[in-house]
Amino acid sequence: MKLPKIKKIISVYKSKFLNVFEVDYKDKMENDKKWIVASRMSEKDYTDKILNNRKSDGVDAVIIVGYKTIDGVQDAIVVIKEFRIPINDYIYSLPAGLVYPGDDIYDTAIREMREETGLILSKIDKGRTCNKAYASVGMSDESLAIVYGNVEGNLSKAYMEDTELIEPMYMTRKDVRDLLNRKDVNIDIKAWLILREFAGC
């Protein structure tokens, strides 16, 4: 089967954290098409990646799955309820954050868990790490990793950025099942899948 051929990439919008590109391409039937893409890459890096097929092992962000362990049993999972501007509402999700230049996914996971919940991420289970996956390729090339570990300390809002509105919490398996059965709340799809696994749904 003939694959689409990308011809040109045009920058539509630039900002510190997100850029928007118009991708001109020919589809498999040789029709001229356009696709709008949001990316965390600069125009130069995105163009190089797409037109020159440059591969990268790096990711844009990390999701952190933190367990509270009692007597060796993962008794609860860390969940956050965060206000997000794109939906103008709160959403239940897992702690997460962008990977800064020079940091690896584990540095990022430790930093973001502390910032968003006040907890210390310890005993990272690298064997369970998802090193790279894509979040929503219908509109973005954003990639992410998933890091698993245990947490220590007390829940706190003391380390959050001024712009963040986050309620960190522990949820037991029963709490998670109750949350997943609710119809009146917003839940991040990645969190939904991980929470279902944790609760044994």
N, C-alpha and C. Protein backbone atom coordinates (compact mmCIF):
# COMPACT_ATOMS: atom_id res chain seq x y z
N MET A 1 0.84 -1.20 0.00
CA MET A 1 0.00 0.00 0.00
C MET A 1 0.88 1.25 0.00
N LYS A 2 0.50 2.19 -0.81
CA LYS A 2 1.27 3.44 -0.90
C LYS A 2 1.00 4.30 0.32
N LEU A 3 2.06 4.80 0.92
CA LEU A 3 1.93 5.63 2.12
C LEU A 3 1.77 7.10 1.75
N PRO A 4 1.13 7.89 2.62
CA PRO A 4 1.07 9.34 2.38
C PRO A 4 2.48 9.93 2.31
N LYS A 5 2.64 11.00 1.55
CA LYS A 5 3.94 11.66 1.42
C LYS A 5 3.83 13.10 1.89
N ILE A 6 4.58 13.43 2.93
CA ILE A 6 4.57 14.79 3.46
C ILE A 6 5.44 15.69 2.59
N LYS A 7 4.88 16.83 2.19
CA LYS A 7 5.57 17.74 1.28
C LYS A 7 6.17 18.94 2.00
N LYS A 8 5.42 19.49 2.95
CA LYS A 8 5.85 20.75 3.55
C LYS A 8 5.24 20.89 4.94
N ILE A 9 5.99 21.58 5.82
CA ILE A 9 5.50 21.87 7.16
C ILE A 9 5.53 23.38 7.37
N ILE A 10 4.41 23.94 7.77
CA ILE A 10 4.28 25.39 7.96
C ILE A 10 3.96 25.68 9.41
N SER A 11 4.70 26.60 10.01
CA SER A 11 4.42 27.00 11.39
C SER A 11 3.19 27.90 11.43
N VAL A 12 2.22 27.54 12.25
CA VAL A 12 0.97 28.31 12.37
C VAL A 12 0.95 29.13 13.65
N TYR A 13 1.51 28.56 14.72
CA TYR A 13 1.49 29.24 16.03
C TYR A 13 2.69 28.77 16.85
N LYS A 14 3.32 29.72 17.56
CA LYS A 14 4.47 29.40 18.40
C LYS A 14 4.24 29.89 19.82
N SER A 15 4.64 29.07 20.80
CA SER A 15 4.63 29.49 22.20
C SER A 15 5.72 28.73 22.94
N LYS A 16 5.87 29.02 24.22
CA LYS A 16 6.94 28.40 25.00
C LYS A 16 6.75 26.90 25.14
N PHE A 17 5.51 26.47 25.35
CA PHE A 17 5.26 25.06 25.64
C PHE A 17 4.62 24.28 24.51
N LEU A 18 4.07 24.97 23.51
CA LEU A 18 3.35 24.26 22.46
C LEU A 18 3.42 25.03 21.15
N ASN A 19 3.62 24.30 20.06
CA ASN A 19 3.64 24.89 18.73
C ASN A 19 2.63 24.17 17.85
N VAL A 20 2.09 24.90 16.87
CA VAL A 20 1.10 24.31 15.97
C VAL A 20 1.63 24.41 14.54
N PHE A 21 1.53 23.29 13.81
CA PHE A 21 2.02 23.23 12.44
C PHE A 21 0.92 22.76 11.49
N GLU A 22 0.97 23.28 10.27
CA GLU A 22 0.14 22.75 9.19
C GLU A 22 1.02 21.85 8.35
N VAL A 23 0.63 20.61 8.23
CA VAL A 23 1.41 19.63 7.46
C VAL A 23 0.71 19.41 6.11
N ASP A 24 1.39 19.78 5.03
CA ASP A 24 0.86 19.54 3.69
C ASP A 24 1.37 18.19 3.19
N TYR A 25 0.46 17.36 2.70
CA TYR A 25 0.87 16.03 2.26
C TYR A 25 -0.05 15.52 1.14
N LYS A 26 0.40 14.48 0.47
CA LYS A 26 -0.42 13.77 -0.50
C LYS A 26 -0.86 12.45 0.14
N ASP A 27 -2.15 12.16 0.06
CA ASP A 27 -2.62 10.90 0.64
C ASP A 27 -2.33 9.74 -0.32
N LYS A 28 -2.77 8.54 0.03
CA LYS A 28 -2.43 7.36 -0.78
C LYS A 28 -3.07 7.40 -2.17
N MET A 29 -4.08 8.29 -2.34
CA MET A 29 -4.73 8.44 -3.65
C MET A 29 -4.16 9.62 -4.43
N GLU A 30 -3.05 10.20 -3.90
CA GLU A 30 -2.37 11.33 -4.54
C GLU A 30 -3.17 12.64 -4.44
N ASN A 31 -4.10 12.71 -3.51
CA ASN A 31 -4.84 13.95 -3.28
C ASN A 31 -4.06 14.85 -2.32
N ASP A 32 -4.07 16.16 -2.58
CA ASP A 32 -3.42 17.10 -1.68
C ASP A 32 -4.26 17.28 -0.42
N LYS A 33 -3.61 17.15 0.74
CA LYS A 33 -4.31 17.24 2.02
C LYS A 33 -3.51 18.11 2.99
N LYS A 34 -4.19 18.53 4.06
CA LYS A 34 -3.53 19.28 5.14
C LYS A 34 -3.91 18.64 6.48
N TRP A 35 -2.97 18.67 7.42
CA TRP A 35 -3.21 18.16 8.77
C TRP A 35 -2.65 19.17 9.77
N ILE A 36 -3.44 19.51 10.77
CA ILE A 36 -2.98 20.42 11.81
C ILE A 36 -2.44 19.59 12.98
N VAL A 37 -1.21 19.91 13.39
CA VAL A 37 -0.52 19.14 14.43
C VAL A 37 -0.04 20.07 15.54
N ALA A 38 -0.30 19.68 16.77
CA ALA A 38 0.26 20.38 17.93
C ALA A 38 1.47 19.60 18.41
N SER A 39 2.56 20.30 18.69
CA SER A 39 3.80 19.63 19.10
C SER A 39 4.53 20.46 20.15
N ARG A 40 5.26 19.78 21.00
CA ARG A 40 6.12 20.49 21.95
C ARG A 40 7.50 20.77 21.36
N MET A 41 7.74 20.30 20.14
CA MET A 41 9.01 20.54 19.47
C MET A 41 9.02 21.92 18.80
N SER A 42 10.23 22.44 18.61
CA SER A 42 10.39 23.66 17.83
C SER A 42 10.13 23.34 16.36
N GLU A 43 9.95 24.39 15.56
CA GLU A 43 9.72 24.18 14.12
C GLU A 43 10.89 23.42 13.49
N LYS A 44 12.11 23.79 13.86
CA LYS A 44 13.29 23.14 13.30
C LYS A 44 13.32 21.66 13.65
N ASP A 45 13.11 21.35 14.92
CA ASP A 45 13.19 19.96 15.36
C ASP A 45 12.05 19.11 14.79
N TYR A 46 10.85 19.70 14.74
CA TYR A 46 9.72 18.93 14.21
C TYR A 46 9.91 18.67 12.71
N THR A 47 10.36 19.69 11.98
CA THR A 47 10.59 19.52 10.55
C THR A 47 11.66 18.47 10.29
N ASP A 48 12.73 18.51 11.08
CA ASP A 48 13.81 17.53 10.94
C ASP A 48 13.29 16.12 11.23
N LYS A 49 12.48 16.01 12.26
CA LYS A 49 11.93 14.71 12.64
C LYS A 49 11.05 14.13 11.54
N ILE A 50 10.17 14.96 10.99
CA ILE A 50 9.19 14.47 10.02
C ILE A 50 9.78 14.31 8.62
N LEU A 51 10.46 15.32 8.13
CA LEU A 51 10.95 15.27 6.75
C LEU A 51 12.20 14.42 6.60
N ASN A 52 13.02 14.35 7.65
CA ASN A 52 14.25 13.56 7.58
C ASN A 52 14.16 12.25 8.35
N ASN A 53 12.95 11.95 8.85
CA ASN A 53 12.71 10.70 9.57
C ASN A 53 13.68 10.50 10.73
N ARG A 54 13.94 11.59 11.45
CA ARG A 54 14.87 11.51 12.59
C ARG A 54 14.18 10.86 13.79
N LYS A 55 14.77 9.80 14.29
CA LYS A 55 14.21 9.09 15.44
C LYS A 55 14.78 9.65 16.74
N SER A 56 13.98 9.56 17.79
CA SER A 56 14.42 10.03 19.10
C SER A 56 13.88 9.12 20.18
N ASP A 57 14.73 8.82 21.18
CA ASP A 57 14.29 8.00 22.31
C ASP A 57 13.66 8.86 23.39
N GLY A 58 13.80 10.18 23.28
CA GLY A 58 13.29 11.07 24.31
C GLY A 58 11.77 11.16 24.30
N VAL A 59 11.22 11.64 25.42
CA VAL A 59 9.77 11.85 25.52
C VAL A 59 9.50 13.26 26.01
N ASP A 60 8.27 13.70 25.80
CA ASP A 60 7.88 15.05 26.22
C ASP A 60 7.50 15.12 27.69
N ALA A 61 6.87 14.06 28.20
CA ALA A 61 6.32 14.11 29.55
C ALA A 61 6.36 12.74 30.21
N VAL A 62 6.14 12.77 31.52
CA VAL A 62 6.13 11.53 32.32
C VAL A 62 4.87 11.49 33.17
N ILE A 63 4.23 10.33 33.21
CA ILE A 63 3.13 10.07 34.13
C ILE A 63 3.70 9.21 35.26
N ILE A 64 3.29 9.51 36.50
CA ILE A 64 3.84 8.78 37.64
C ILE A 64 2.74 8.00 38.34
N VAL A 65 2.98 6.70 38.48
CA VAL A 65 2.07 5.82 39.21
C VAL A 65 2.71 5.54 40.56
N GLY A 66 2.18 6.18 41.60
CA GLY A 66 2.75 6.06 42.94
C GLY A 66 1.86 5.25 43.86
N TYR A 67 2.46 4.27 44.52
CA TYR A 67 1.70 3.41 45.43
C TYR A 67 2.10 3.66 46.88
N LYS A 68 1.12 3.67 47.75
CA LYS A 68 1.37 3.67 49.19
C LYS A 68 1.40 2.21 49.62
N THR A 69 2.54 1.78 50.13
CA THR A 69 2.73 0.37 50.47
C THR A 69 2.75 0.19 51.98
N ILE A 70 1.93 -0.72 52.47
CA ILE A 70 1.88 -1.06 53.89
C ILE A 70 2.15 -2.55 54.03
N ASP A 71 3.19 -2.87 54.82
CA ASP A 71 3.59 -4.27 55.02
C ASP A 71 3.78 -5.00 53.69
N GLY A 72 4.40 -4.30 52.74
CA GLY A 72 4.72 -4.92 51.46
C GLY A 72 3.57 -5.00 50.48
N VAL A 73 2.39 -4.49 50.87
CA VAL A 73 1.22 -4.55 49.99
C VAL A 73 0.91 -3.15 49.46
N GLN A 74 0.73 -3.04 48.14
CA GLN A 74 0.37 -1.75 47.54
C GLN A 74 -1.09 -1.46 47.86
N ASP A 75 -1.28 -0.70 48.95
CA ASP A 75 -2.60 -0.53 49.56
C ASP A 75 -3.42 0.60 48.93
N ALA A 76 -2.74 1.61 48.38
CA ALA A 76 -3.44 2.76 47.80
C ALA A 76 -2.59 3.35 46.67
N ILE A 77 -3.24 4.12 45.81
CA ILE A 77 -2.57 4.74 44.68
C ILE A 77 -2.76 6.25 44.77
N VAL A 78 -1.76 7.00 44.33
CA VAL A 78 -1.82 8.46 44.37
C VAL A 78 -2.60 8.98 43.16
N VAL A 79 -3.61 9.79 43.44
CA VAL A 79 -4.44 10.39 42.40
C VAL A 79 -4.50 11.89 42.65
N ILE A 80 -4.58 12.67 41.59
CA ILE A 80 -4.77 14.11 41.76
C ILE A 80 -6.06 14.54 41.07
N LYS A 81 -6.68 15.57 41.64
CA LYS A 81 -7.84 16.22 41.04
C LYS A 81 -7.37 17.62 40.69
N GLU A 82 -7.27 17.91 39.39
CA GLU A 82 -6.63 19.15 38.94
C GLU A 82 -7.55 19.95 38.02
N PHE A 83 -7.55 21.26 38.21
CA PHE A 83 -8.32 22.13 37.31
C PHE A 83 -7.51 22.35 36.05
N ARG A 84 -8.14 22.09 34.89
CA ARG A 84 -7.45 22.22 33.61
C ARG A 84 -8.23 23.18 32.70
N ILE A 85 -7.52 24.18 32.19
CA ILE A 85 -8.14 25.22 31.38
C ILE A 85 -8.84 24.69 30.12
N PRO A 86 -8.26 23.74 29.36
CA PRO A 86 -8.92 23.31 28.12
C PRO A 86 -10.35 22.79 28.30
N ILE A 87 -10.67 22.25 29.49
CA ILE A 87 -12.05 21.79 29.72
C ILE A 87 -12.79 22.68 30.72
N ASN A 88 -12.09 23.68 31.28
CA ASN A 88 -12.68 24.60 32.25
C ASN A 88 -13.35 23.84 33.39
N ASP A 89 -12.64 22.84 33.90
CA ASP A 89 -13.22 21.99 34.94
C ASP A 89 -12.10 21.17 35.59
N TYR A 90 -12.45 20.52 36.67
CA TYR A 90 -11.52 19.60 37.32
C TYR A 90 -11.53 18.26 36.61
N ILE A 91 -10.39 17.56 36.68
CA ILE A 91 -10.28 16.22 36.12
C ILE A 91 -9.42 15.37 37.04
N TYR A 92 -9.80 14.12 37.21
CA TYR A 92 -9.00 13.18 37.98
C TYR A 92 -7.93 12.61 37.06
N SER A 93 -6.70 12.61 37.56
CA SER A 93 -5.59 12.10 36.76
C SER A 93 -4.49 11.61 37.70
N LEU A 94 -3.35 11.31 37.13
CA LEU A 94 -2.18 10.91 37.90
C LEU A 94 -1.15 12.03 37.84
N PRO A 95 -0.27 12.13 38.83
CA PRO A 95 0.79 13.13 38.77
C PRO A 95 1.57 12.99 37.46
N ALA A 96 1.96 14.12 36.89
CA ALA A 96 2.66 14.10 35.60
C ALA A 96 3.38 15.42 35.40
N GLY A 97 4.32 15.44 34.46
CA GLY A 97 5.02 16.68 34.16
C GLY A 97 5.91 16.57 32.95
N LEU A 98 6.33 17.72 32.44
CA LEU A 98 7.20 17.77 31.28
C LEU A 98 8.63 17.39 31.64
N VAL A 99 9.32 16.76 30.70
CA VAL A 99 10.73 16.42 30.87
C VAL A 99 11.56 17.61 30.43
N TYR A 100 12.37 18.16 31.34
CA TYR A 100 13.21 19.30 31.02
C TYR A 100 14.50 18.83 30.35
N PRO A 101 15.12 19.70 29.53
CA PRO A 101 16.40 19.35 28.91
C PRO A 101 17.42 18.95 29.98
N GLY A 102 18.09 17.85 29.76
CA GLY A 102 19.10 17.38 30.71
C GLY A 102 18.58 16.41 31.75
N ASP A 103 17.26 16.35 31.92
CA ASP A 103 16.67 15.41 32.88
C ASP A 103 16.26 14.12 32.16
N ASP A 104 16.29 13.01 32.91
CA ASP A 104 15.72 11.79 32.36
C ASP A 104 14.33 11.59 32.95
N ILE A 105 13.68 10.52 32.57
CA ILE A 105 12.30 10.33 33.00
C ILE A 105 12.19 10.10 34.51
N TYR A 106 13.24 9.54 35.10
CA TYR A 106 13.19 9.26 36.54
C TYR A 106 13.41 10.53 37.36
N ASP A 107 14.33 11.39 36.90
CA ASP A 107 14.49 12.71 37.54
C ASP A 107 13.16 13.46 37.51
N THR A 108 12.52 13.43 36.34
CA THR A 108 11.25 14.13 36.17
C THR A 108 10.16 13.56 37.07
N ALA A 109 10.09 12.24 37.16
CA ALA A 109 9.07 11.59 37.99
C ALA A 109 9.22 11.98 39.45
N ILE A 110 10.45 11.99 39.94
CA ILE A 110 10.71 12.36 41.33
C ILE A 110 10.32 13.82 41.57
N ARG A 111 10.73 14.70 40.65
CA ARG A 111 10.44 16.13 40.79
C ARG A 111 8.94 16.41 40.77
N GLU A 112 8.24 15.83 39.83
CA GLU A 112 6.81 16.12 39.67
C GLU A 112 5.96 15.51 40.78
N MET A 113 6.33 14.33 41.26
CA MET A 113 5.59 13.76 42.38
C MET A 113 5.71 14.66 43.60
N ARG A 114 6.90 15.15 43.85
CA ARG A 114 7.12 16.05 44.99
C ARG A 114 6.33 17.35 44.82
N GLU A 115 6.40 17.92 43.61
CA GLU A 115 5.77 19.21 43.35
C GLU A 115 4.24 19.13 43.46
N GLU A 116 3.66 18.10 42.89
CA GLU A 116 2.20 18.04 42.80
C GLU A 116 1.52 17.41 44.01
N THR A 117 2.27 16.63 44.80
CA THR A 117 1.64 15.92 45.92
C THR A 117 2.36 16.09 47.25
N GLY A 118 3.61 16.57 47.22
CA GLY A 118 4.41 16.66 48.44
C GLY A 118 5.07 15.35 48.82
N LEU A 119 4.83 14.29 48.06
CA LEU A 119 5.35 12.96 48.39
C LEU A 119 6.71 12.71 47.74
N ILE A 120 7.46 11.80 48.32
CA ILE A 120 8.76 11.40 47.79
C ILE A 120 8.60 10.08 47.07
N LEU A 121 8.96 10.06 45.79
CA LEU A 121 8.89 8.82 45.01
C LEU A 121 10.13 8.00 45.29
N SER A 122 9.94 6.77 45.74
CA SER A 122 11.06 5.90 46.07
C SER A 122 10.81 4.50 45.51
N LYS A 123 11.84 3.68 45.55
CA LYS A 123 11.73 2.30 45.08
C LYS A 123 11.07 2.24 43.71
N ILE A 124 11.64 3.00 42.78
CA ILE A 124 11.11 3.01 41.41
C ILE A 124 11.28 1.62 40.80
N ASP A 125 10.21 1.11 40.23
CA ASP A 125 10.22 -0.21 39.60
C ASP A 125 10.50 -0.04 38.11
N LYS A 126 11.79 -0.01 37.76
CA LYS A 126 12.16 0.24 36.37
C LYS A 126 11.71 -0.86 35.43
N GLY A 127 11.47 -2.04 35.97
CA GLY A 127 10.99 -3.14 35.14
C GLY A 127 9.58 -2.92 34.60
N ARG A 128 8.83 -2.04 35.24
CA ARG A 128 7.46 -1.75 34.80
C ARG A 128 7.37 -0.48 33.95
N THR A 129 8.48 0.22 33.80
CA THR A 129 8.47 1.49 33.08
C THR A 129 8.00 1.32 31.63
N CYS A 130 7.12 2.20 31.22
CA CYS A 130 6.80 2.36 29.79
C CYS A 130 7.69 3.50 29.31
N ASN A 131 8.68 3.19 28.49
CA ASN A 131 9.67 4.19 28.11
C ASN A 131 9.16 5.21 27.11
N LYS A 132 8.22 4.81 26.26
CA LYS A 132 7.70 5.77 25.29
C LYS A 132 6.37 5.28 24.71
N ALA A 133 5.38 6.16 24.76
CA ALA A 133 4.08 5.91 24.14
C ALA A 133 3.52 7.25 23.69
N TYR A 134 2.52 7.20 22.83
CA TYR A 134 1.93 8.43 22.32
C TYR A 134 0.54 8.63 22.92
N ALA A 135 0.20 9.89 23.16
CA ALA A 135 -1.02 10.20 23.89
C ALA A 135 -2.23 10.42 22.99
N SER A 136 -2.06 11.12 21.86
CA SER A 136 -3.21 11.47 21.03
C SER A 136 -2.74 11.82 19.62
N VAL A 137 -2.37 10.78 18.84
CA VAL A 137 -1.73 11.03 17.55
C VAL A 137 -2.68 11.58 16.49
N GLY A 138 -3.97 11.68 16.80
CA GLY A 138 -4.88 12.32 15.86
C GLY A 138 -4.64 13.82 15.75
N MET A 139 -3.99 14.40 16.78
CA MET A 139 -3.77 15.85 16.77
C MET A 139 -2.38 16.26 17.23
N SER A 140 -1.59 15.33 17.75
CA SER A 140 -0.31 15.71 18.34
C SER A 140 0.71 14.58 18.26
N ASP A 141 2.00 14.97 18.25
CA ASP A 141 3.07 13.97 18.33
C ASP A 141 3.59 13.83 19.75
N GLU A 142 2.86 14.38 20.74
CA GLU A 142 3.33 14.34 22.13
C GLU A 142 3.54 12.90 22.59
N SER A 143 4.70 12.66 23.17
CA SER A 143 5.04 11.33 23.68
C SER A 143 5.23 11.39 25.18
N LEU A 144 5.05 10.25 25.82
CA LEU A 144 5.18 10.21 27.28
C LEU A 144 5.72 8.87 27.74
N ALA A 145 6.24 8.89 28.96
CA ALA A 145 6.69 7.68 29.64
C ALA A 145 5.81 7.49 30.86
N ILE A 146 5.75 6.26 31.37
CA ILE A 146 5.02 5.96 32.60
C ILE A 146 5.99 5.31 33.57
N VAL A 147 6.13 5.92 34.75
CA VAL A 147 7.06 5.44 35.77
C VAL A 147 6.28 4.98 36.99
N TYR A 148 6.63 3.80 37.50
CA TYR A 148 5.97 3.21 38.67
C TYR A 148 6.91 3.22 39.87
N GLY A 149 6.35 3.45 41.05
CA GLY A 149 7.16 3.40 42.25
C GLY A 149 6.31 3.53 43.50
N ASN A 150 6.96 3.42 44.65
CA ASN A 150 6.28 3.63 45.93
C ASN A 150 6.49 5.08 46.36
N VAL A 151 5.63 5.55 47.27
CA VAL A 151 5.76 6.92 47.77
C VAL A 151 5.90 6.92 49.29
N GLU A 152 6.57 7.96 49.77
CA GLU A 152 6.76 8.15 51.21
C GLU A 152 6.43 9.60 51.55
N GLY A 153 6.11 9.83 52.82
CA GLY A 153 5.86 11.19 53.28
C GLY A 153 4.38 11.49 53.41
N ASN A 154 4.09 12.79 53.55
CA ASN A 154 2.71 13.24 53.74
C ASN A 154 2.24 14.07 52.55
N LEU A 155 0.98 13.93 52.21
CA LEU A 155 0.41 14.75 51.14
C LEU A 155 0.49 16.22 51.50
N SER A 156 0.90 17.06 50.54
CA SER A 156 1.09 18.48 50.81
C SER A 156 0.93 19.29 49.52
N LYS A 157 0.46 20.53 49.67
CA LYS A 157 0.37 21.45 48.55
C LYS A 157 1.50 22.48 48.57
N ALA A 158 2.44 22.31 49.47
CA ALA A 158 3.47 23.32 49.70
C ALA A 158 4.44 23.48 48.53
N TYR A 159 4.56 22.48 47.66
CA TYR A 159 5.56 22.52 46.61
C TYR A 159 4.98 22.85 45.23
N MET A 160 3.68 23.10 45.17
CA MET A 160 3.04 23.37 43.89
C MET A 160 3.42 24.73 43.33
N GLU A 161 3.37 24.84 41.99
CA GLU A 161 3.55 26.14 41.36
C GLU A 161 2.32 27.00 41.62
N ASP A 162 2.51 28.32 41.56
CA ASP A 162 1.42 29.24 41.87
C ASP A 162 0.21 29.06 40.95
N THR A 163 0.46 28.61 39.73
CA THR A 163 -0.63 28.48 38.76
C THR A 163 -1.39 27.16 38.86
N GLU A 164 -0.90 26.24 39.69
CA GLU A 164 -1.52 24.92 39.77
C GLU A 164 -2.66 24.87 40.78
N LEU A 165 -3.76 24.23 40.40
CA LEU A 165 -4.88 23.98 41.30
C LEU A 165 -5.05 22.47 41.38
N ILE A 166 -4.42 21.88 42.39
CA ILE A 166 -4.36 20.41 42.50
C ILE A 166 -4.76 19.97 43.89
N GLU A 167 -5.60 18.94 43.94
CA GLU A 167 -5.94 18.27 45.19
C GLU A 167 -5.35 16.87 45.14
N PRO A 168 -4.22 16.63 45.83
CA PRO A 168 -3.65 15.28 45.83
C PRO A 168 -4.36 14.39 46.84
N MET A 169 -4.42 13.10 46.55
CA MET A 169 -5.12 12.19 47.45
C MET A 169 -4.63 10.76 47.26
N TYR A 170 -4.86 9.95 48.28
CA TYR A 170 -4.69 8.51 48.15
C TYR A 170 -6.05 7.90 47.84
N MET A 171 -6.06 6.87 47.02
CA MET A 171 -7.29 6.13 46.78
C MET A 171 -7.04 4.64 46.96
N THR A 172 -7.88 4.01 47.77
CA THR A 172 -7.83 2.56 47.91
C THR A 172 -8.51 1.93 46.70
N ARG A 173 -8.47 0.62 46.61
CA ARG A 173 -9.14 -0.06 45.50
C ARG A 173 -10.64 0.22 45.51
N LYS A 174 -11.22 0.27 46.69
CA LYS A 174 -12.65 0.58 46.78
C LYS A 174 -12.92 2.01 46.32
N ASP A 175 -12.07 2.95 46.74
CA ASP A 175 -12.21 4.34 46.30
C ASP A 175 -12.16 4.43 44.77
N VAL A 176 -11.22 3.70 44.19
CA VAL A 176 -11.06 3.73 42.73
C VAL A 176 -12.29 3.15 42.04
N ARG A 177 -12.78 2.03 42.53
CA ARG A 177 -13.98 1.45 41.92
C ARG A 177 -15.16 2.41 42.00
N ASP A 178 -15.30 3.08 43.14
CA ASP A 178 -16.38 4.06 43.29
C ASP A 178 -16.21 5.21 42.30
N LEU A 179 -14.98 5.69 42.14
CA LEU A 179 -14.71 6.79 41.20
C LEU A 179 -15.04 6.38 39.77
N LEU A 180 -14.59 5.19 39.38
CA LEU A 180 -14.80 4.75 38.01
C LEU A 180 -16.28 4.52 37.68
N ASN A 181 -17.07 4.31 38.70
CA ASN A 181 -18.51 4.10 38.49
C ASN A 181 -19.30 5.41 38.43
N ARG A 182 -18.66 6.52 38.76
CA ARG A 182 -19.35 7.80 38.75
C ARG A 182 -19.51 8.33 37.32
N LYS A 183 -20.61 9.01 37.08
CA LYS A 183 -20.89 9.58 35.76
C LYS A 183 -20.74 11.10 35.74
N ASP A 184 -20.48 11.67 36.92
CA ASP A 184 -20.48 13.13 37.05
C ASP A 184 -19.09 13.73 37.17
N VAL A 185 -18.04 12.95 36.85
CA VAL A 185 -16.67 13.46 36.98
C VAL A 185 -15.91 13.25 35.68
N ASN A 186 -14.83 14.04 35.52
CA ASN A 186 -13.93 13.89 34.38
C ASN A 186 -12.73 13.05 34.80
N ILE A 187 -12.34 12.10 33.96
CA ILE A 187 -11.19 11.25 34.25
C ILE A 187 -10.29 11.19 33.02
N ASP A 188 -9.01 11.40 33.23
CA ASP A 188 -8.01 11.27 32.17
C ASP A 188 -7.98 9.81 31.71
N ILE A 189 -7.91 9.58 30.39
CA ILE A 189 -7.99 8.22 29.86
C ILE A 189 -6.82 7.36 30.32
N LYS A 190 -5.63 7.95 30.43
CA LYS A 190 -4.48 7.17 30.87
C LYS A 190 -4.65 6.75 32.32
N ALA A 191 -5.13 7.68 33.13
CA ALA A 191 -5.41 7.36 34.53
C ALA A 191 -6.50 6.30 34.63
N TRP A 192 -7.53 6.42 33.80
CA TRP A 192 -8.64 5.47 33.81
C TRP A 192 -8.14 4.04 33.61
N LEU A 193 -7.26 3.85 32.65
CA LEU A 193 -6.73 2.51 32.36
C LEU A 193 -5.88 1.99 33.51
N ILE A 194 -5.02 2.84 34.05
CA ILE A 194 -4.14 2.42 35.15
C ILE A 194 -4.95 2.16 36.42
N LEU A 195 -5.94 3.00 36.69
CA LEU A 195 -6.77 2.81 37.87
C LEU A 195 -7.60 1.53 37.77
N ARG A 196 -8.09 1.21 36.59
CA ARG A 196 -8.82 -0.04 36.40
C ARG A 196 -7.94 -1.24 36.72
N GLU A 197 -6.71 -1.18 36.25
CA GLU A 197 -5.77 -2.28 36.53
C GLU A 197 -5.52 -2.39 38.02
N PHE A 198 -5.31 -1.26 38.69
CA PHE A 198 -5.04 -1.26 40.13
C PHE A 198 -6.21 -1.83 40.91
N ALA A 199 -7.43 -1.46 40.52
CA ALA A 199 -8.62 -1.88 41.26
C ALA A 199 -9.09 -3.28 40.88
N GLY A 200 -8.49 -3.85 39.84
CA GLY A 200 -8.90 -5.18 39.42
C GLY A 200 -10.26 -5.20 38.75
N CYS A 201 -10.59 -4.11 38.07
CA CYS A 201 -11.91 -4.02 37.40
C CYS A 201 -11.92 -4.82 36.10
